[in-house]
Amino acid sequence: MKSSTVKENLSISDSEIGEVVWHTLTENGKIEFYDIKFGNKMIYNVPEYEIVAESVAEHFHEIREKRIH
């Protein structure tokens, strides 16, 4: 994944591709923020709209019932 605005602000070369290491997940399945590793630099909370996917490896999370306390 790459993010031109984030990469530009952090002096990461345009040819460098990051790896998503974590993402948020809303109840309706939408991802809003990513943590991305570019080489030895970790970039946290990159908004979804800043990301351009170079390749995608989808995965799924189990559906959990809401617990009432």
PDB file of N, CA and C in Angstrom:
ATOM      1  N   MET A   1       0.837  -1.172   0.000  1.00  0.00           N
ATOM      2  CA  MET A   1       0.000   0.000   0.000  1.00  0.00           C
ATOM      3  C   MET A   1       0.883   1.237   0.000  1.00  0.00           C
ATOM      4  N   LYS A   2       0.367   2.282  -0.577  1.00  0.00           N
ATOM      5  CA  LYS A   2       1.107   3.524  -0.535  1.00  0.00           C
ATOM      6  C   LYS A   2       0.151   4.675  -0.342  1.00  0.00           C
ATOM      7  N   SER A   3       0.640   5.715   0.267  1.00  0.00           N
ATOM      8  CA  SER A   3      -0.155   6.912   0.486  1.00  0.00           C
ATOM      9  C   SER A   3       0.711   8.091   0.116  1.00  0.00           C
ATOM     10  N   SER A   4       0.394   8.754  -0.986  1.00  0.00           N
ATOM     11  CA  SER A   4       1.264   9.812  -1.481  1.00  0.00           C
ATOM     12  C   SER A   4       1.395  10.975  -0.509  1.00  0.00           C
ATOM     13  N   THR A   5       0.305  11.407   0.115  1.00  0.00           N
ATOM     14  CA  THR A   5       0.377  12.537   1.040  1.00  0.00           C
ATOM     15  C   THR A   5       1.198  12.173   2.268  1.00  0.00           C
ATOM     16  N   VAL A   6       0.908  11.034   2.863  1.00  0.00           N
ATOM     17  CA  VAL A   6       1.648  10.599   4.047  1.00  0.00           C
ATOM     18  C   VAL A   6       3.109  10.368   3.694  1.00  0.00           C
ATOM     19  N   LYS A   7       3.373   9.697   2.593  1.00  0.00           N
ATOM     20  CA  LYS A   7       4.748   9.423   2.179  1.00  0.00           C
ATOM     21  C   LYS A   7       5.512  10.717   1.930  1.00  0.00           C
ATOM     22  N   GLU A   8       4.889  11.660   1.284  1.00  0.00           N
ATOM     23  CA  GLU A   8       5.533  12.936   1.006  1.00  0.00           C
ATOM     24  C   GLU A   8       5.879  13.654   2.306  1.00  0.00           C
ATOM     25  N   ASN A   9       4.949  13.687   3.246  1.00  0.00           N
ATOM     26  CA  ASN A   9       5.176  14.363   4.521  1.00  0.00           C
ATOM     27  C   ASN A   9       6.267  13.699   5.354  1.00  0.00           C
ATOM     28  N   LEU A  10       6.492  12.415   5.171  1.00  0.00           N
ATOM     29  CA  LEU A  10       7.471  11.680   5.976  1.00  0.00           C
ATOM     30  C   LEU A  10       8.733  11.335   5.203  1.00  0.00           C
ATOM     31  N   SER A  11       8.894  11.909   4.023  1.00  0.00           N
ATOM     32  CA  SER A  11      10.081  11.678   3.185  1.00  0.00           C
ATOM     33  C   SER A  11      10.302  10.206   2.867  1.00  0.00           C
ATOM     34  N   ILE A  12       9.231   9.509   2.544  1.00  0.00           N
ATOM     35  CA  ILE A  12       9.315   8.118   2.105  1.00  0.00           C
ATOM     36  C   ILE A  12       9.260   8.137   0.589  1.00  0.00           C
ATOM     37  N   SER A  13      10.195   7.448  -0.057  1.00  0.00           N
ATOM     38  CA  SER A  13      10.254   7.487  -1.517  1.00  0.00           C
ATOM     39  C   SER A  13       8.983   6.931  -2.135  1.00  0.00           C
ATOM     40  N   ASP A  14       8.629   7.457  -3.301  1.00  0.00           N
ATOM     41  CA  ASP A  14       7.396   7.039  -3.959  1.00  0.00           C
ATOM     42  C   ASP A  14       7.443   5.583  -4.396  1.00  0.00           C
ATOM     43  N   SER A  15       8.644   5.045  -4.576  1.00  0.00           N
ATOM     44  CA  SER A  15       8.752   3.652  -5.003  1.00  0.00           C
ATOM     45  C   SER A  15       8.639   2.674  -3.832  1.00  0.00           C
ATOM     46  N   GLU A  16       8.721   3.180  -2.614  1.00  0.00           N
ATOM     47  CA  GLU A  16       8.642   2.312  -1.442  1.00  0.00           C
ATOM     48  C   GLU A  16       7.186   1.941  -1.160  1.00  0.00           C
ATOM     49  N   ILE A  17       6.941   0.658  -1.000  1.00  0.00           N
ATOM     50  CA  ILE A  17       5.591   0.159  -0.744  1.00  0.00           C
ATOM     51  C   ILE A  17       5.508  -0.305   0.698  1.00  0.00           C
ATOM     52  N   GLY A  18       4.458   0.123   1.378  1.00  0.00           N
ATOM     53  CA  GLY A  18       4.278  -0.236   2.777  1.00  0.00           C
ATOM     54  C   GLY A  18       3.473  -1.504   2.948  1.00  0.00           C
ATOM     55  N   GLU A  19       3.537  -2.033   4.161  1.00  0.00           N
ATOM     56  CA  GLU A  19       2.780  -3.232   4.511  1.00  0.00           C
ATOM     57  C   GLU A  19       1.825  -2.890   5.651  1.00  0.00           C
ATOM     58  N   VAL A  20       0.563  -3.191   5.463  1.00  0.00           N
ATOM     59  CA  VAL A  20      -0.426  -2.952   6.509  1.00  0.00           C
ATOM     60  C   VAL A  20      -0.191  -3.963   7.619  1.00  0.00           C
ATOM     61  N   VAL A  21      -0.061  -3.455   8.848  1.00  0.00           N
ATOM     62  CA  VAL A  21       0.146  -4.345   9.981  1.00  0.00           C
ATOM     63  C   VAL A  21      -1.064  -4.365  10.922  1.00  0.00           C
ATOM     64  N   TRP A  22      -1.981  -3.401  10.763  1.00  0.00           N
ATOM     65  CA  TRP A  22      -3.181  -3.340  11.592  1.00  0.00           C
ATOM     66  C   TRP A  22      -4.187  -2.413  10.933  1.00  0.00           C
ATOM     67  N   HIS A  23      -5.461  -2.628  11.205  1.00  0.00           N
ATOM     68  CA  HIS A  23      -6.495  -1.707  10.728  1.00  0.00           C
ATOM     69  C   HIS A  23      -7.677  -1.718  11.678  1.00  0.00           C
ATOM     70  N   THR A  24      -8.434  -0.643  11.672  1.00  0.00           N
ATOM     71  CA  THR A  24      -9.672  -0.593  12.439  1.00  0.00           C
ATOM     72  C   THR A  24     -10.720  -1.395  11.684  1.00  0.00           C
ATOM     73  N   LEU A  25     -11.817  -1.689  12.359  1.00  0.00           N
ATOM     74  CA  LEU A  25     -12.926  -2.375  11.711  1.00  0.00           C
ATOM     75  C   LEU A  25     -14.200  -1.985  12.440  1.00  0.00           C
ATOM     76  N   THR A  26     -15.084  -1.283  11.732  1.00  0.00           N
ATOM     77  CA  THR A  26     -16.344  -0.867  12.341  1.00  0.00           C
ATOM     78  C   THR A  26     -17.313  -2.051  12.367  1.00  0.00           C
ATOM     79  N   GLU A  27     -18.410  -1.895  13.077  1.00  0.00           N
ATOM     80  CA  GLU A  27     -19.405  -2.968  13.170  1.00  0.00           C
ATOM     81  C   GLU A  27     -19.973  -3.351  11.807  1.00  0.00           C
ATOM     82  N   ASN A  28     -20.019  -2.401  10.864  1.00  0.00           N
ATOM     83  CA  ASN A  28     -20.555  -2.717   9.533  1.00  0.00           C
ATOM     84  C   ASN A  28     -19.467  -3.180   8.566  1.00  0.00           C
ATOM     85  N   GLY A  29     -18.261  -3.441   9.065  1.00  0.00           N
ATOM     86  CA  GLY A  29     -17.197  -4.004   8.244  1.00  0.00           C
ATOM     87  C   GLY A  29     -16.340  -3.001   7.504  1.00  0.00           C
ATOM     88  N   LYS A  30     -16.480  -1.726   7.799  1.00  0.00           N
ATOM     89  CA  LYS A  30     -15.704  -0.696   7.111  1.00  0.00           C
ATOM     90  C   LYS A  30     -14.376  -0.460   7.830  1.00  0.00           C
ATOM     91  N   ILE A  31     -13.308  -0.376   7.050  1.00  0.00           N
ATOM     92  CA  ILE A  31     -11.993  -0.030   7.585  1.00  0.00           C
ATOM     93  C   ILE A  31     -11.818   1.471   7.444  1.00  0.00           C
ATOM     94  N   GLU A  32     -11.450   2.141   8.546  1.00  0.00           N
ATOM     95  CA  GLU A  32     -11.295   3.592   8.519  1.00  0.00           C
ATOM     96  C   GLU A  32      -9.850   4.042   8.645  1.00  0.00           C
ATOM     97  N   PHE A  33      -9.020   3.312   9.398  1.00  0.00           N
ATOM     98  CA  PHE A  33      -7.626   3.696   9.608  1.00  0.00           C
ATOM     99  C   PHE A  33      -6.712   2.486   9.529  1.00  0.00           C
ATOM    100  N   TYR A  34      -5.489   2.725   9.065  1.00  0.00           N
ATOM    101  CA  TYR A  34      -4.472   1.689   8.941  1.00  0.00           C
ATOM    102  C   TYR A  34      -3.204   2.100   9.679  1.00  0.00           C
ATOM    103  N   ASP A  35      -2.466   1.107  10.178  1.00  0.00           N
ATOM    104  CA  ASP A  35      -1.085   1.286  10.617  1.00  0.00           C
ATOM    105  C   ASP A  35      -0.250   0.594   9.548  1.00  0.00           C
ATOM    106  N   ILE A  36       0.728   1.318   8.990  1.00  0.00           N
ATOM    107  CA  ILE A  36       1.490   0.808   7.853  1.00  0.00           C
ATOM    108  C   ILE A  36       2.976   0.898   8.146  1.00  0.00           C
ATOM    109  N   LYS A  37       3.715  -0.147   7.780  1.00  0.00           N
ATOM    110  CA  LYS A  37       5.164  -0.176   7.960  1.00  0.00           C
ATOM    111  C   LYS A  37       5.836   0.046   6.601  1.00  0.00           C
ATOM    112  N   PHE A  38       6.676   1.072   6.541  1.00  0.00           N
ATOM    113  CA  PHE A  38       7.496   1.360   5.361  1.00  0.00           C
ATOM    114  C   PHE A  38       8.938   1.117   5.770  1.00  0.00           C
ATOM    115  N   GLY A  39       9.496  -0.027   5.396  1.00  0.00           N
ATOM    116  CA  GLY A  39      10.861  -0.341   5.823  1.00  0.00           C
ATOM    117  C   GLY A  39      10.903  -0.422   7.343  1.00  0.00           C
ATOM    118  N   ASN A  40      11.692   0.465   7.971  1.00  0.00           N
ATOM    119  CA  ASN A  40      11.775   0.466   9.432  1.00  0.00           C
ATOM    120  C   ASN A  40      10.940   1.584  10.055  1.00  0.00           C
ATOM    121  N   LYS A  41      10.086   2.245   9.272  1.00  0.00           N
ATOM    122  CA  LYS A  41       9.228   3.316   9.774  1.00  0.00           C
ATOM    123  C   LYS A  41       7.793   2.821   9.901  1.00  0.00           C
ATOM    124  N   MET A  42       7.202   3.048  11.080  1.00  0.00           N
ATOM    125  CA  MET A  42       5.789   2.726  11.293  1.00  0.00           C
ATOM    126  C   MET A  42       4.986   4.012  11.214  1.00  0.00           C
ATOM    127  N   ILE A  43       3.923   3.998  10.439  1.00  0.00           N
ATOM    128  CA  ILE A  43       3.027   5.132  10.307  1.00  0.00           C
ATOM    129  C   ILE A  43       1.675   4.682  10.878  1.00  0.00           C
ATOM    130  N   TYR A  44       1.180   5.403  11.870  1.00  0.00           N
ATOM    131  CA  TYR A  44      -0.039   5.001  12.569  1.00  0.00           C
ATOM    132  C   TYR A  44      -1.229   5.851  12.145  1.00  0.00           C
ATOM    133  N   ASN A  45      -2.400   5.222  12.151  1.00  0.00           N
ATOM    134  CA  ASN A  45      -3.686   5.897  11.916  1.00  0.00           C
ATOM    135  C   ASN A  45      -3.764   6.640  10.584  1.00  0.00           C
ATOM    136  N   VAL A  46      -3.342   5.994   9.516  1.00  0.00           N
ATOM    137  CA  VAL A  46      -3.464   6.571   8.180  1.00  0.00           C
ATOM    138  C   VAL A  46      -4.914   6.398   7.739  1.00  0.00           C
ATOM    139  N   PRO A  47      -5.609   7.484   7.405  1.00  0.00           N
ATOM    140  CA  PRO A  47      -7.010   7.368   6.999  1.00  0.00           C
ATOM    141  C   PRO A  47      -7.164   6.546   5.723  1.00  0.00           C
ATOM    142  N   GLU A  48      -8.255   5.833   5.630  1.00  0.00           N
ATOM    143  CA  GLU A  48      -8.531   4.963   4.475  1.00  0.00           C
ATOM    144  C   GLU A  48      -8.450   5.728   3.168  1.00  0.00           C
ATOM    145  N   TYR A  49      -8.933   6.959   3.130  1.00  0.00           N
ATOM    146  CA  TYR A  49      -8.960   7.715   1.882  1.00  0.00           C
ATOM    147  C   TYR A  49      -7.568   8.114   1.404  1.00  0.00           C
ATOM    148  N   GLU A  50      -6.530   7.941   2.229  1.00  0.00           N
ATOM    149  CA  GLU A  50      -5.156   8.260   1.838  1.00  0.00           C
ATOM    150  C   GLU A  50      -4.436   7.056   1.221  1.00  0.00           C
ATOM    151  N   ILE A  51      -5.081   5.916   1.179  1.00  0.00           N
ATOM    152  CA  ILE A  51      -4.429   4.672   0.772  1.00  0.00           C
ATOM    153  C   ILE A  51      -4.735   4.330  -0.683  1.00  0.00           C
ATOM    154  N   VAL A  52      -3.694   3.879  -1.385  1.00  0.00           N
ATOM    155  CA  VAL A  52      -3.850   3.324  -2.728  1.00  0.00           C
ATOM    156  C   VAL A  52      -3.314   1.900  -2.661  1.00  0.00           C
ATOM    157  N   ALA A  53      -4.172   0.926  -2.881  1.00  0.00           N
ATOM    158  CA  ALA A  53      -3.771  -0.478  -2.775  1.00  0.00           C
ATOM    159  C   ALA A  53      -2.941  -0.900  -3.974  1.00  0.00           C
ATOM    160  N   GLU A  54      -1.788  -1.472  -3.715  1.00  0.00           N
ATOM    161  CA  GLU A  54      -0.939  -2.060  -4.757  1.00  0.00           C
ATOM    162  C   GLU A  54      -1.291  -3.531  -4.941  1.00  0.00           C
ATOM    163  N   SER A  55      -1.591  -4.197  -3.839  1.00  0.00           N
ATOM    164  CA  SER A  55      -2.091  -5.572  -3.866  1.00  0.00           C
ATOM    165  C   SER A  55      -2.949  -5.751  -2.622  1.00  0.00           C
ATOM    166  N   VAL A  56      -3.909  -6.644  -2.716  1.00  0.00           N
ATOM    167  CA  VAL A  56      -4.854  -6.831  -1.624  1.00  0.00           C
ATOM    168  C   VAL A  56      -4.910  -8.309  -1.258  1.00  0.00           C
ATOM    169  N   ALA A  57      -4.781  -8.588   0.028  1.00  0.00           N
ATOM    170  CA  ALA A  57      -4.962  -9.936   0.546  1.00  0.00           C
ATOM    171  C   ALA A  57      -6.068  -9.843   1.581  1.00  0.00           C
ATOM    172  N   GLU A  58      -7.273 -10.179   1.153  1.00  0.00           N
ATOM    173  CA  GLU A  58      -8.422 -10.044   2.051  1.00  0.00           C
ATOM    174  C   GLU A  58      -8.425 -11.152   3.085  1.00  0.00           C
ATOM    175  N   HIS A  59      -8.987 -10.819   4.221  1.00  0.00           N
ATOM    176  CA  HIS A  59      -9.196 -11.791   5.278  1.00  0.00           C
ATOM    177  C   HIS A  59     -10.509 -11.447   5.961  1.00  0.00           C
ATOM    178  N   PHE A  60     -10.978 -12.345   6.779  1.00  0.00           N
ATOM    179  CA  PHE A  60     -12.263 -12.139   7.423  1.00  0.00           C
ATOM    180  C   PHE A  60     -12.135 -12.270   8.920  1.00  0.00           C
ATOM    181  N   HIS A  61     -13.018 -11.582   9.627  1.00  0.00           N
ATOM    182  CA  HIS A  61     -13.096 -11.656  11.074  1.00  0.00           C
ATOM    183  C   HIS A  61     -14.402 -12.348  11.425  1.00  0.00           C
ATOM    184  N   GLU A  62     -14.350 -13.165  12.464  1.00  0.00           N
ATOM    185  CA  GLU A  62     -15.582 -13.842  12.867  1.00  0.00           C
ATOM    186  C   GLU A  62     -16.571 -12.826  13.415  1.00  0.00           C
ATOM    187  N   ILE A  63     -17.828 -13.117  13.221  1.00  0.00           N
ATOM    188  CA  ILE A  63     -18.879 -12.247  13.736  1.00  0.00           C
ATOM    189  C   ILE A  63     -19.111 -12.623  15.189  1.00  0.00           C
ATOM    190  N   ARG A  64     -19.036 -11.634  16.044  1.00  0.00           N
ATOM    191  CA  ARG A  64     -19.231 -11.870  17.464  1.00  0.00           C
ATOM    192  C   ARG A  64     -20.561 -11.274  17.903  1.00  0.00           C
ATOM    193  N   GLU A  65     -21.224 -11.994  18.772  1.00  0.00           N
ATOM    194  CA  GLU A  65     -22.471 -11.471  19.311  1.00  0.00           C
ATOM    195  C   GLU A  65     -22.167 -10.370  20.306  1.00  0.00           C
ATOM    196  N   LYS A  66     -23.011  -9.345  20.340  1.00  0.00           N
ATOM    197  CA  LYS A  66     -22.832  -8.293  21.325  1.00  0.00           C
ATOM    198  C   LYS A  66     -23.115  -8.852  22.708  1.00  0.00           C
ATOM    199  N   ARG A  67     -22.260  -8.474  23.630  1.00  0.00           N
ATOM    200  CA  ARG A  67     -22.446  -8.907  25.007  1.00  0.00           C
ATOM    201  C   ARG A  67     -23.093  -7.778  25.795  1.00  0.00           C
ATOM    202  N   ILE A  68     -24.083  -8.148  26.553  1.00  0.00           N
ATOM    203  CA  ILE A  68     -24.765  -7.164  27.399  1.00  0.00           C
ATOM    204  C   ILE A  68     -24.291  -7.403  28.818  1.00  0.00           C
ATOM    205  N   HIS A  69     -23.760  -6.368  29.420  1.00  0.00           N
ATOM    206  CA  HIS A  69     -23.220  -6.506  30.791  1.00  0.00           C
ATOM    207  C   HIS A  69     -24.239  -6.089  31.794  1.00  0.00           C
TER     208      HIS A  69
END
